[in-house]
């Protein structure tokens, strides 16, 4: 199951995390976000123990998204050891997201 990131736990869950973390910045009202949500859940299960994968609702969290320049959603930001390593704008196929995760996990 994916992690629910928020402004309060972001530093601990993502920035202080040693390893790869994928944050899906989105919102319930966003069709692209709803379309990619099942993919994020599948990836969270597939990468359990290898990467931390979760979502952050931009409507409920007003501090963190602007710090990463989130202007449109969905945006997937992939962190490695607390630093931004890659970004995917828009709803992309699962294979494209896996490719980026696998590259960073090497």
PDB file of N, CA and C in Angstrom:
ATOM      1  N   UNK A   1       0.840  -1.190   0.000  1.00  0.00           N
ATOM      2  CA  UNK A   1       0.000   0.000   0.000  1.00  0.00           C
ATOM      3  C   UNK A   1       0.880   1.246   0.000  1.00  0.00           C
ATOM      4  N   UNK A   2       0.464   2.238  -0.742  1.00  0.00           N
ATOM      5  CA  UNK A   2       1.266   3.446  -0.846  1.00  0.00           C
ATOM      6  C   UNK A   2       1.205   4.258   0.447  1.00  0.00           C
ATOM      7  N   UNK A   3       2.218   5.062   0.647  1.00  0.00           N
ATOM      8  CA  UNK A   3       2.328   5.923   1.812  1.00  0.00           C
ATOM      9  C   UNK A   3       1.556   7.221   1.531  1.00  0.00           C
ATOM     10  N   UNK A   4       0.931   7.774   2.549  1.00  0.00           N
ATOM     11  CA  UNK A   4       0.290   9.078   2.415  1.00  0.00           C
ATOM     12  C   UNK A   4       1.284  10.112   2.941  1.00  0.00           C
ATOM     13  N   UNK A   5       1.819  10.908   2.037  1.00  0.00           N
ATOM     14  CA  UNK A   5       2.738  11.968   2.434  1.00  0.00           C
ATOM     15  C   UNK A   5       1.934  13.239   2.697  1.00  0.00           C
ATOM     16  N   UNK A   6       2.415  14.044   3.644  1.00  0.00           N
ATOM     17  CA  UNK A   6       1.803  15.344   3.907  1.00  0.00           C
ATOM     18  C   UNK A   6       2.885  16.321   4.362  1.00  0.00           C
ATOM     19  N   UNK A   7       2.478  17.574   4.538  1.00  0.00           N
ATOM     20  CA  UNK A   7       3.453  18.595   4.933  1.00  0.00           C
ATOM     21  C   UNK A   7       4.141  18.238   6.244  1.00  0.00           C
ATOM     22  N   UNK A   8       3.434  17.566   7.136  1.00  0.00           N
ATOM     23  CA  UNK A   8       3.989  17.248   8.453  1.00  0.00           C
ATOM     24  C   UNK A   8       4.999  16.100   8.405  1.00  0.00           C
ATOM     25  N   UNK A   9       4.769  15.091   7.559  1.00  0.00           N
ATOM     26  CA  UNK A   9       5.672  13.931   7.577  1.00  0.00           C
ATOM     27  C   UNK A   9       6.671  13.910   6.414  1.00  0.00           C
ATOM     28  N   UNK A  10       6.620  14.893   5.540  1.00  0.00           N
ATOM     29  CA  UNK A  10       7.442  14.876   4.334  1.00  0.00           C
ATOM     30  C   UNK A  10       8.943  14.811   4.634  1.00  0.00           C
ATOM     31  N   UNK A  11       9.383  15.604   5.578  1.00  0.00           N
ATOM     32  CA  UNK A  11      10.818  15.620   5.895  1.00  0.00           C
ATOM     33  C   UNK A  11      11.274  14.247   6.379  1.00  0.00           C
ATOM     34  N   UNK A  12      10.523  13.678   7.297  1.00  0.00           N
ATOM     35  CA  UNK A  12      10.896  12.370   7.856  1.00  0.00           C
ATOM     36  C   UNK A  12      10.764  11.257   6.816  1.00  0.00           C
ATOM     37  N   UNK A  13       9.645  11.230   6.092  1.00  0.00           N
ATOM     38  CA  UNK A  13       9.350  10.133   5.169  1.00  0.00           C
ATOM     39  C   UNK A  13      10.139  10.183   3.858  1.00  0.00           C
ATOM     40  N   UNK A  14      10.465  11.392   3.396  1.00  0.00           N
ATOM     41  CA  UNK A  14      11.105  11.530   2.082  1.00  0.00           C
ATOM     42  C   UNK A  14      12.513  12.116   2.184  1.00  0.00           C
ATOM     43  N   UNK A  15      12.630  13.283   2.764  1.00  0.00           N
ATOM     44  CA  UNK A  15      13.927  13.970   2.775  1.00  0.00           C
ATOM     45  C   UNK A  15      14.967  13.261   3.626  1.00  0.00           C
ATOM     46  N   UNK A  16      14.547  12.627   4.706  1.00  0.00           N
ATOM     47  CA  UNK A  16      15.492  11.903   5.569  1.00  0.00           C
ATOM     48  C   UNK A  16      15.610  10.429   5.205  1.00  0.00           C
ATOM     49  N   UNK A  17      14.869   9.994   4.186  1.00  0.00           N
ATOM     50  CA  UNK A  17      14.854   8.587   3.790  1.00  0.00           C
ATOM     51  C   UNK A  17      16.104   8.256   2.979  1.00  0.00           C
ATOM     52  N   UNK A  18      16.781   7.197   3.372  1.00  0.00           N
ATOM     53  CA  UNK A  18      17.945   6.724   2.621  1.00  0.00           C
ATOM     54  C   UNK A  18      17.461   5.693   1.613  1.00  0.00           C
ATOM     55  N   UNK A  19      17.473   6.081   0.359  1.00  0.00           N
ATOM     56  CA  UNK A  19      16.979   5.211  -0.696  1.00  0.00           C
ATOM     57  C   UNK A  19      16.126   6.007  -1.663  1.00  0.00           C
ATOM     58  N   UNK A  20      15.320   5.294  -2.446  1.00  0.00           N
ATOM     59  CA  UNK A  20      14.489   5.909  -3.484  1.00  0.00           C
ATOM     60  C   UNK A  20      13.063   6.065  -2.968  1.00  0.00           C
ATOM     61  N   UNK A  21      12.525   7.264  -3.142  1.00  0.00           N
ATOM     62  CA  UNK A  21      11.140   7.554  -2.763  1.00  0.00           C
ATOM     63  C   UNK A  21      10.458   8.262  -3.928  1.00  0.00           C
ATOM     64  N   UNK A  22       9.276   7.787  -4.285  1.00  0.00           N
ATOM     65  CA  UNK A  22       8.487   8.408  -5.350  1.00  0.00           C
ATOM     66  C   UNK A  22       7.276   9.080  -4.709  1.00  0.00           C
ATOM     67  N   UNK A  23       7.112  10.377  -4.990  1.00  0.00           N
ATOM     68  CA  UNK A  23       5.971  11.130  -4.470  1.00  0.00           C
ATOM     69  C   UNK A  23       5.080  11.514  -5.643  1.00  0.00           C
ATOM     70  N   UNK A  24       3.835  11.058  -5.578  1.00  0.00           N
ATOM     71  CA  UNK A  24       2.825  11.387  -6.582  1.00  0.00           C
ATOM     72  C   UNK A  24       2.059  12.603  -6.077  1.00  0.00           C
ATOM     73  N   UNK A  25       2.389  13.782  -6.613  1.00  0.00           N
ATOM     74  CA  UNK A  25       1.672  15.004  -6.266  1.00  0.00           C
ATOM     75  C   UNK A  25       0.407  15.046  -7.114  1.00  0.00           C
ATOM     76  N   UNK A  26      -0.747  15.046  -6.478  1.00  0.00           N
ATOM     77  CA  UNK A  26      -1.994  15.035  -7.215  1.00  0.00           C
ATOM     78  C   UNK A  26      -3.152  15.511  -6.361  1.00  0.00           C
ATOM     79  N   UNK A  27      -4.365  15.273  -6.846  1.00  0.00           N
ATOM     80  CA  UNK A  27      -5.581  15.652  -6.121  1.00  0.00           C
ATOM     81  C   UNK A  27      -6.735  14.790  -6.619  1.00  0.00           C
ATOM     82  N   UNK A  28      -7.726  14.627  -5.772  1.00  0.00           N
ATOM     83  CA  UNK A  28      -8.880  13.793  -6.085  1.00  0.00           C
ATOM     84  C   UNK A  28      -9.651  14.305  -7.305  1.00  0.00           C
ATOM     85  N   UNK A  29      -9.716  15.613  -7.483  1.00  0.00           N
ATOM     86  CA  UNK A  29     -10.503  16.197  -8.576  1.00  0.00           C
ATOM     87  C   UNK A  29      -9.831  16.054  -9.946  1.00  0.00           C
ATOM     88  N   UNK A  30      -8.589  15.638  -9.985  1.00  0.00           N
ATOM     89  CA  UNK A  30      -7.789  15.603 -11.212  1.00  0.00           C
ATOM     90  C   UNK A  30      -7.973  14.269 -11.945  1.00  0.00           C
ATOM     91  N   UNK A  31      -8.510  14.298 -13.186  1.00  0.00           N
ATOM     92  CA  UNK A  31      -8.712  13.047 -13.927  1.00  0.00           C
ATOM     93  C   UNK A  31      -7.420  12.262 -14.159  1.00  0.00           C
ATOM     94  N   UNK A  32      -6.340  12.946 -14.501  1.00  0.00           N
ATOM     95  CA  UNK A  32      -5.058  12.272 -14.707  1.00  0.00           C
ATOM     96  C   UNK A  32      -4.548  11.615 -13.437  1.00  0.00           C
ATOM     97  N   UNK A  33      -4.785  12.273 -12.313  1.00  0.00           N
ATOM     98  CA  UNK A  33      -4.359  11.734 -11.016  1.00  0.00           C
ATOM     99  C   UNK A  33      -5.145  10.472 -10.687  1.00  0.00           C
ATOM    100  N   UNK A  34      -6.452  10.509 -10.949  1.00  0.00           N
ATOM    101  CA  UNK A  34      -7.288   9.333 -10.693  1.00  0.00           C
ATOM    102  C   UNK A  34      -6.872   8.182 -11.617  1.00  0.00           C
ATOM    103  N   UNK A  35      -6.489   8.519 -12.844  1.00  0.00           N
ATOM    104  CA  UNK A  35      -6.076   7.493 -13.802  1.00  0.00           C
ATOM    105  C   UNK A  35      -4.783   6.807 -13.370  1.00  0.00           C
ATOM    106  N   UNK A  36      -3.873   7.568 -12.781  1.00  0.00           N
ATOM    107  CA  UNK A  36      -2.572   7.008 -12.415  1.00  0.00           C
ATOM    108  C   UNK A  36      -2.586   6.380 -11.015  1.00  0.00           C
ATOM    109  N   UNK A  37      -3.604   6.648 -10.212  1.00  0.00           N
ATOM    110  CA  UNK A  37      -3.663   6.139  -8.834  1.00  0.00           C
ATOM    111  C   UNK A  37      -3.517   4.619  -8.745  1.00  0.00           C
ATOM    112  N   UNK A  38      -4.209   3.836  -9.591  1.00  0.00           N
ATOM    113  CA  UNK A  38      -4.021   2.373  -9.504  1.00  0.00           C
ATOM    114  C   UNK A  38      -2.590   1.941  -9.837  1.00  0.00           C
ATOM    115  N   UNK A  39      -1.952   2.655 -10.732  1.00  0.00           N
ATOM    116  CA  UNK A  39      -0.561   2.348 -11.095  1.00  0.00           C
ATOM    117  C   UNK A  39       0.349   2.599  -9.894  1.00  0.00           C
ATOM    118  N   UNK A  40       0.112   3.697  -9.200  1.00  0.00           N
ATOM    119  CA  UNK A  40       0.927   4.024  -8.017  1.00  0.00           C
ATOM    120  C   UNK A  40       0.760   2.935  -6.957  1.00  0.00           C
ATOM    121  N   UNK A  41      -0.477   2.468  -6.755  1.00  0.00           N
ATOM    122  CA  UNK A  41      -0.723   1.396  -5.783  1.00  0.00           C
ATOM    123  C   UNK A  41      -0.003   0.105  -6.196  1.00  0.00           C
ATOM    124  N   UNK A  42      -0.060  -0.234  -7.475  1.00  0.00           N
ATOM    125  CA  UNK A  42       0.627  -1.430  -7.965  1.00  0.00           C
ATOM    126  C   UNK A  42       2.135  -1.312  -7.752  1.00  0.00           C
ATOM    127  N   UNK A  43       2.682  -0.148  -8.073  1.00  0.00           N
ATOM    128  CA  UNK A  43       4.123   0.060  -7.901  1.00  0.00           C
ATOM    129  C   UNK A  43       4.516  -0.007  -6.433  1.00  0.00           C
ATOM    130  N   UNK A  44       3.679   0.538  -5.557  1.00  0.00           N
ATOM    131  CA  UNK A  44       3.975   0.500  -4.122  1.00  0.00           C
ATOM    132  C   UNK A  44       4.095  -0.949  -3.648  1.00  0.00           C
ATOM    133  N   UNK A  45       3.238  -1.806  -4.156  1.00  0.00           N
ATOM    134  CA  UNK A  45       3.302  -3.233  -3.781  1.00  0.00           C
ATOM    135  C   UNK A  45       4.527  -3.900  -4.399  1.00  0.00           C
ATOM    136  N   UNK A  46       4.760  -3.639  -5.688  1.00  0.00           N
ATOM    137  CA  UNK A  46       5.872  -4.278  -6.392  1.00  0.00           C
ATOM    138  C   UNK A  46       7.232  -3.871  -5.832  1.00  0.00           C
ATOM    139  N   UNK A  47       7.342  -2.625  -5.374  1.00  0.00           N
ATOM    140  CA  UNK A  47       8.629  -2.114  -4.912  1.00  0.00           C
ATOM    141  C   UNK A  47       8.741  -2.079  -3.386  1.00  0.00           C
ATOM    142  N   UNK A  48       7.811  -2.742  -2.713  1.00  0.00           N
ATOM    143  CA  UNK A  48       7.865  -2.787  -1.257  1.00  0.00           C
ATOM    144  C   UNK A  48       9.205  -3.356  -0.815  1.00  0.00           C
ATOM    145  N   UNK A  49       9.857  -2.656   0.093  1.00  0.00           N
ATOM    146  CA  UNK A  49      11.171  -3.071   0.559  1.00  0.00           C
ATOM    147  C   UNK A  49      12.310  -2.578  -0.310  1.00  0.00           C
ATOM    148  N   UNK A  50      11.983  -2.039  -1.496  1.00  0.00           N
ATOM    149  CA  UNK A  50      13.012  -1.513  -2.404  1.00  0.00           C
ATOM    150  C   UNK A  50      12.935  -0.004  -2.545  1.00  0.00           C
ATOM    151  N   UNK A  51      11.711   0.527  -2.533  1.00  0.00           N
ATOM    152  CA  UNK A  51      11.497   1.972  -2.683  1.00  0.00           C
ATOM    153  C   UNK A  51      10.243   2.353  -1.910  1.00  0.00           C
ATOM    154  N   UNK A  52      10.192   3.598  -1.472  1.00  0.00           N
ATOM    155  CA  UNK A  52       9.019   4.120  -0.787  1.00  0.00           C
ATOM    156  C   UNK A  52       8.191   4.878  -1.816  1.00  0.00           C
ATOM    157  N   UNK A  53       6.929   4.499  -1.966  1.00  0.00           N
ATOM    158  CA  UNK A  53       6.071   5.102  -2.987  1.00  0.00           C
ATOM    159  C   UNK A  53       4.781   5.562  -2.333  1.00  0.00           C
ATOM    160  N   UNK A  54       4.414   6.817  -2.621  1.00  0.00           N
ATOM    161  CA  UNK A  54       3.190   7.327  -2.029  1.00  0.00           C
ATOM    162  C   UNK A  54       2.652   8.554  -2.728  1.00  0.00           C
ATOM    163  N   UNK A  55       1.598   9.093  -2.138  1.00  0.00           N
ATOM    164  CA  UNK A  55       0.890  10.216  -2.737  1.00  0.00           C
ATOM    165  C   UNK A  55       0.859  11.412  -1.784  1.00  0.00           C
ATOM    166  N   UNK A  56       0.771  12.589  -2.372  1.00  0.00           N
ATOM    167  CA  UNK A  56       0.548  13.805  -1.601  1.00  0.00           C
ATOM    168  C   UNK A  56      -0.550  14.598  -2.295  1.00  0.00           C
ATOM    169  N   UNK A  57      -1.626  14.865  -1.566  1.00  0.00           N
ATOM    170  CA  UNK A  57      -2.736  15.651  -2.092  1.00  0.00           C
ATOM    171  C   UNK A  57      -2.361  17.133  -2.018  1.00  0.00           C
ATOM    172  N   UNK A  58      -2.308  17.771  -3.177  1.00  0.00           N
ATOM    173  CA  UNK A  58      -1.869  19.177  -3.225  1.00  0.00           C
ATOM    174  C   UNK A  58      -2.919  20.135  -2.672  1.00  0.00           C
ATOM    175  N   UNK A  59      -4.168  19.688  -2.577  1.00  0.00           N
ATOM    176  CA  UNK A  59      -5.200  20.573  -2.025  1.00  0.00           C
ATOM    177  C   UNK A  59      -5.154  20.602  -0.506  1.00  0.00           C
ATOM    178  N   UNK A  60      -4.670  19.530   0.109  1.00  0.00           N
ATOM    179  CA  UNK A  60      -4.586  19.461   1.569  1.00  0.00           C
ATOM    180  C   UNK A  60      -3.228  19.889   2.102  1.00  0.00           C
ATOM    181  N   UNK A  61      -2.234  19.949   1.251  1.00  0.00           N
ATOM    182  CA  UNK A  61      -0.864  20.264   1.664  1.00  0.00           C
ATOM    183  C   UNK A  61      -0.371  21.443   0.839  1.00  0.00           C
ATOM    184  N   UNK A  62      -0.310  22.589   1.465  1.00  0.00           N
ATOM    185  CA  UNK A  62      -0.012  23.818   0.736  1.00  0.00           C
ATOM    186  C   UNK A  62       1.437  24.270   0.862  1.00  0.00           C
ATOM    187  N   UNK A  63       2.236  23.591   1.670  1.00  0.00           N
ATOM    188  CA  UNK A  63       3.624  24.005   1.896  1.00  0.00           C
ATOM    189  C   UNK A  63       4.590  23.277   0.956  1.00  0.00           C
ATOM    190  N   UNK A  64       4.519  21.964   0.928  1.00  0.00           N
ATOM    191  CA  UNK A  64       5.503  21.161   0.191  1.00  0.00           C
ATOM    192  C   UNK A  64       5.410  21.287  -1.326  1.00  0.00           C
ATOM    193  N   UNK A  65       4.242  21.143  -1.952  1.00  0.00           N
ATOM    194  CA  UNK A  65       4.205  21.190  -3.427  1.00  0.00           C
ATOM    195  C   UNK A  65       4.861  22.429  -4.047  1.00  0.00           C
ATOM    196  N   UNK A  66       4.616  23.640  -3.535  1.00  0.00           N
ATOM    197  CA  UNK A  66       5.279  24.800  -4.154  1.00  0.00           C
ATOM    198  C   UNK A  66       6.808  24.773  -4.021  1.00  0.00           C
ATOM    199  N   UNK A  67       7.307  24.111  -2.995  1.00  0.00           N
ATOM    200  CA  UNK A  67       8.758  24.021  -2.811  1.00  0.00           C
ATOM    201  C   UNK A  67       9.413  23.218  -3.934  1.00  0.00           C
ATOM    202  N   UNK A  68       8.621  22.398  -4.610  1.00  0.00           N
ATOM    203  CA  UNK A  68       9.141  21.585  -5.709  1.00  0.00           C
ATOM    204  C   UNK A  68       8.577  22.029  -7.051  1.00  0.00           C
ATOM    205  N   UNK A  69       8.032  23.233  -7.095  1.00  0.00           N
ATOM    206  CA  UNK A  69       7.567  23.819  -8.349  1.00  0.00           C
ATOM    207  C   UNK A  69       6.373  23.115  -8.959  1.00  0.00           C
ATOM    208  N   UNK A  70       5.565  22.489  -8.131  1.00  0.00           N
ATOM    209  CA  UNK A  70       4.391  21.778  -8.646  1.00  0.00           C
ATOM    210  C   UNK A  70       3.340  22.810  -9.074  1.00  0.00           C
ATOM    211  N   UNK A  71       3.151  22.935 -10.380  1.00  0.00           N
ATOM    212  CA  UNK A  71       2.215  23.915 -10.931  1.00  0.00           C
ATOM    213  C   UNK A  71       1.016  23.233 -11.581  1.00  0.00           C
ATOM    214  N   UNK A  72       1.190  22.006 -12.025  1.00  0.00           N
ATOM    215  CA  UNK A  72       0.123  21.221 -12.636  1.00  0.00           C
ATOM    216  C   UNK A  72       0.241  19.810 -12.081  1.00  0.00           C
ATOM    217  N   UNK A  73      -0.825  19.058 -12.147  1.00  0.00           N
ATOM    218  CA  UNK A  73      -0.809  17.701 -11.617  1.00  0.00           C
ATOM    219  C   UNK A  73      -1.408  16.743 -12.634  1.00  0.00           C
ATOM    220  N   UNK A  74      -1.053  15.475 -12.611  1.00  0.00           N
ATOM    221  CA  UNK A  74      -0.133  14.845 -11.668  1.00  0.00           C
ATOM    222  C   UNK A  74       1.334  15.077 -12.040  1.00  0.00           C
ATOM    223  N   UNK A  75       2.154  15.115 -11.005  1.00  0.00           N
ATOM    224  CA  UNK A  75       3.606  15.162 -11.163  1.00  0.00           C
ATOM    225  C   UNK A  75       4.188  14.131 -10.204  1.00  0.00           C
ATOM    226  N   UNK A  76       5.026  13.267 -10.741  1.00  0.00           N
ATOM    227  CA  UNK A  76       5.733  12.291  -9.919  1.00  0.00           C
ATOM    228  C   UNK A  76       7.156  12.799  -9.734  1.00  0.00           C
ATOM    229  N   UNK A  77       7.558  12.986  -8.491  1.00  0.00           N
ATOM    230  CA  UNK A  77       8.925  13.410  -8.199  1.00  0.00           C
ATOM    231  C   UNK A  77       9.604  12.236  -7.509  1.00  0.00           C
ATOM    232  N   UNK A  78      10.740  11.840  -8.056  1.00  0.00           N
ATOM    233  CA  UNK A  78      11.488  10.720  -7.496  1.00  0.00           C
ATOM    234  C   UNK A  78      12.718  11.274  -6.786  1.00  0.00           C
ATOM    235  N   UNK A  79      12.836  10.904  -5.524  1.00  0.00           N
ATOM    236  CA  UNK A  79      13.949  11.341  -4.685  1.00  0.00           C
ATOM    237  C   UNK A  79      14.883  10.165  -4.467  1.00  0.00           C
ATOM    238  N   UNK A  80      16.163  10.477  -4.340  1.00  0.00           N
ATOM    239  CA  UNK A  80      17.142   9.463  -3.942  1.00  0.00           C
ATOM    240  C   UNK A  80      17.956  10.067  -2.809  1.00  0.00           C
ATOM    241  N   UNK A  81      17.922   9.415  -1.672  1.00  0.00           N
ATOM    242  CA  UNK A  81      18.606   9.892  -0.473  1.00  0.00           C
ATOM    243  C   UNK A  81      18.236  11.344  -0.168  1.00  0.00           C
ATOM    244  N   UNK A  82      16.956  11.664  -0.309  1.00  0.00           N
ATOM    245  CA  UNK A  82      16.451  12.986   0.065  1.00  0.00           C
ATOM    246  C   UNK A  82      16.605  14.078  -0.972  1.00  0.00           C
ATOM    247  N   UNK A  83      17.198  13.763  -2.108  1.00  0.00           N
ATOM    248  CA  UNK A  83      17.413  14.752  -3.161  1.00  0.00           C
ATOM    249  C   UNK A  83      16.578  14.399  -4.392  1.00  0.00           C
ATOM    250  N   UNK A  84      16.053  15.422  -5.074  1.00  0.00           N
ATOM    251  CA  UNK A  84      15.295  15.170  -6.300  1.00  0.00           C
ATOM    252  C   UNK A  84      16.223  14.541  -7.327  1.00  0.00           C
ATOM    253  N   UNK A  85      15.811  13.383  -7.839  1.00  0.00           N
ATOM    254  CA  UNK A  85      16.627  12.659  -8.822  1.00  0.00           C
ATOM    255  C   UNK A  85      15.970  12.640 -10.190  1.00  0.00           C
ATOM    256  N   UNK A  86      14.647  12.733 -10.238  1.00  0.00           N
ATOM    257  CA  UNK A  86      13.932  12.688 -11.512  1.00  0.00           C
ATOM    258  C   UNK A  86      12.515  13.187 -11.294  1.00  0.00           C
ATOM    259  N   UNK A  87      11.853  13.493 -12.398  1.00  0.00           N
ATOM    260  CA  UNK A  87      10.486  13.994 -12.338  1.00  0.00           C
ATOM    261  C   UNK A  87       9.733  13.546 -13.587  1.00  0.00           C
ATOM    262  N   UNK A  88       8.474  13.183 -13.402  1.00  0.00           N
ATOM    263  CA  UNK A  88       7.613  12.781 -14.507  1.00  0.00           C
ATOM    264  C   UNK A  88       6.364  13.650 -14.433  1.00  0.00           C
ATOM    265  N   UNK A  89       6.118  14.427 -15.458  1.00  0.00           N
ATOM    266  CA  UNK A  89       4.954  15.310 -15.487  1.00  0.00           C
ATOM    267  C   UNK A  89       3.856  14.642 -16.299  1.00  0.00           C
ATOM    268  N   UNK A  90       2.675  14.528 -15.704  1.00  0.00           N
ATOM    269  CA  UNK A  90       1.545  13.922 -16.387  1.00  0.00           C
ATOM    270  C   UNK A  90       1.430  12.438 -16.087  1.00  0.00           C
ATOM    271  N   UNK A  91       0.337  11.859 -16.554  1.00  0.00           N
ATOM    272  CA  UNK A  91       0.091  10.435 -16.354  1.00  0.00           C
ATOM    273  C   UNK A  91       0.832   9.645 -17.428  1.00  0.00           C
ATOM    274  N   UNK A  92       1.797   8.865 -17.002  1.00  0.00           N
ATOM    275  CA  UNK A  92       2.606   8.060 -17.918  1.00  0.00           C
ATOM    276  C   UNK A  92       2.335   6.584 -17.682  1.00  0.00           C
ATOM    277  N   UNK A  93       2.667   5.741 -18.653  1.00  0.00           N
ATOM    278  CA  UNK A  93       2.466   4.300 -18.477  1.00  0.00           C
ATOM    279  C   UNK A  93       3.344   3.749 -17.350  1.00  0.00           C
ATOM    280  N   UNK A  94       2.869   2.681 -16.773  1.00  0.00           N
ATOM    281  CA  UNK A  94       3.586   2.026 -15.676  1.00  0.00           C
ATOM    282  C   UNK A  94       5.018   1.683 -16.069  1.00  0.00           C
ATOM    283  N   UNK A  95       5.205   1.203 -17.277  1.00  0.00           N
ATOM    284  CA  UNK A  95       6.547   0.800 -17.729  1.00  0.00           C
ATOM    285  C   UNK A  95       7.527   1.970 -17.699  1.00  0.00           C
ATOM    286  N   UNK A  96       7.064   3.157 -18.059  1.00  0.00           N
ATOM    287  CA  UNK A  96       7.939   4.341 -18.060  1.00  0.00           C
ATOM    288  C   UNK A  96       8.348   4.714 -16.644  1.00  0.00           C
ATOM    289  N   UNK A  97       7.428   4.583 -15.710  1.00  0.00           N
ATOM    290  CA  UNK A  97       7.733   4.907 -14.306  1.00  0.00           C
ATOM    291  C   UNK A  97       8.688   3.856 -13.744  1.00  0.00           C
ATOM    292  N   UNK A  98       8.427   2.583 -14.049  1.00  0.00           N
ATOM    293  CA  UNK A  98       9.303   1.508 -13.585  1.00  0.00           C
ATOM    294  C   UNK A  98      10.728   1.681 -14.108  1.00  0.00           C
ATOM    295  N   UNK A  99      10.857   2.092 -15.349  1.00  0.00           N
ATOM    296  CA  UNK A  99      12.178   2.289 -15.935  1.00  0.00           C
ATOM    297  C   UNK A  99      12.983   3.319 -15.142  1.00  0.00           C
ATOM    298  N   UNK A 100      12.326   4.419 -14.774  1.00  0.00           N
ATOM    299  CA  UNK A 100      13.020   5.458 -14.003  1.00  0.00           C
ATOM    300  C   UNK A 100      13.362   4.955 -12.585  1.00  0.00           C
ATOM    301  N   UNK A 101      12.441   4.246 -11.970  1.00  0.00           N
ATOM    302  CA  UNK A 101      12.712   3.701 -10.635  1.00  0.00           C
ATOM    303  C   UNK A 101      13.868   2.703 -10.683  1.00  0.00           C
ATOM    304  N   UNK A 102      13.820   1.801 -11.648  1.00  0.00           N
ATOM    305  CA  UNK A 102      14.865   0.772 -11.762  1.00  0.00           C
ATOM    306  C   UNK A 102      16.237   1.386 -11.990  1.00  0.00           C
ATOM    307  N   UNK A 103      16.290   2.442 -12.787  1.00  0.00           N
ATOM    308  CA  UNK A 103      17.565   3.125 -13.039  1.00  0.00           C
ATOM    309  C   UNK A 103      18.140   3.674 -11.744  1.00  0.00           C
ATOM    310  N   UNK A 104      17.293   4.271 -10.908  1.00  0.00           N
ATOM    311  CA  UNK A 104      17.763   4.869  -9.659  1.00  0.00           C
ATOM    312  C   UNK A 104      18.061   3.826  -8.583  1.00  0.00           C
ATOM    313  N   UNK A 105      17.468   2.659  -8.701  1.00  0.00           N
ATOM    314  CA  UNK A 105      17.704   1.605  -7.717  1.00  0.00           C
ATOM    315  C   UNK A 105      18.990   0.820  -7.976  1.00  0.00           C
ATOM    316  N   UNK A 106      19.625   1.042  -9.114  1.00  0.00           N
ATOM    317  CA  UNK A 106      20.858   0.306  -9.446  1.00  0.00           C
ATOM    318  C   UNK A 106      22.004   0.754  -8.575  1.00  0.00           C
TER     319      UNK A 106
END
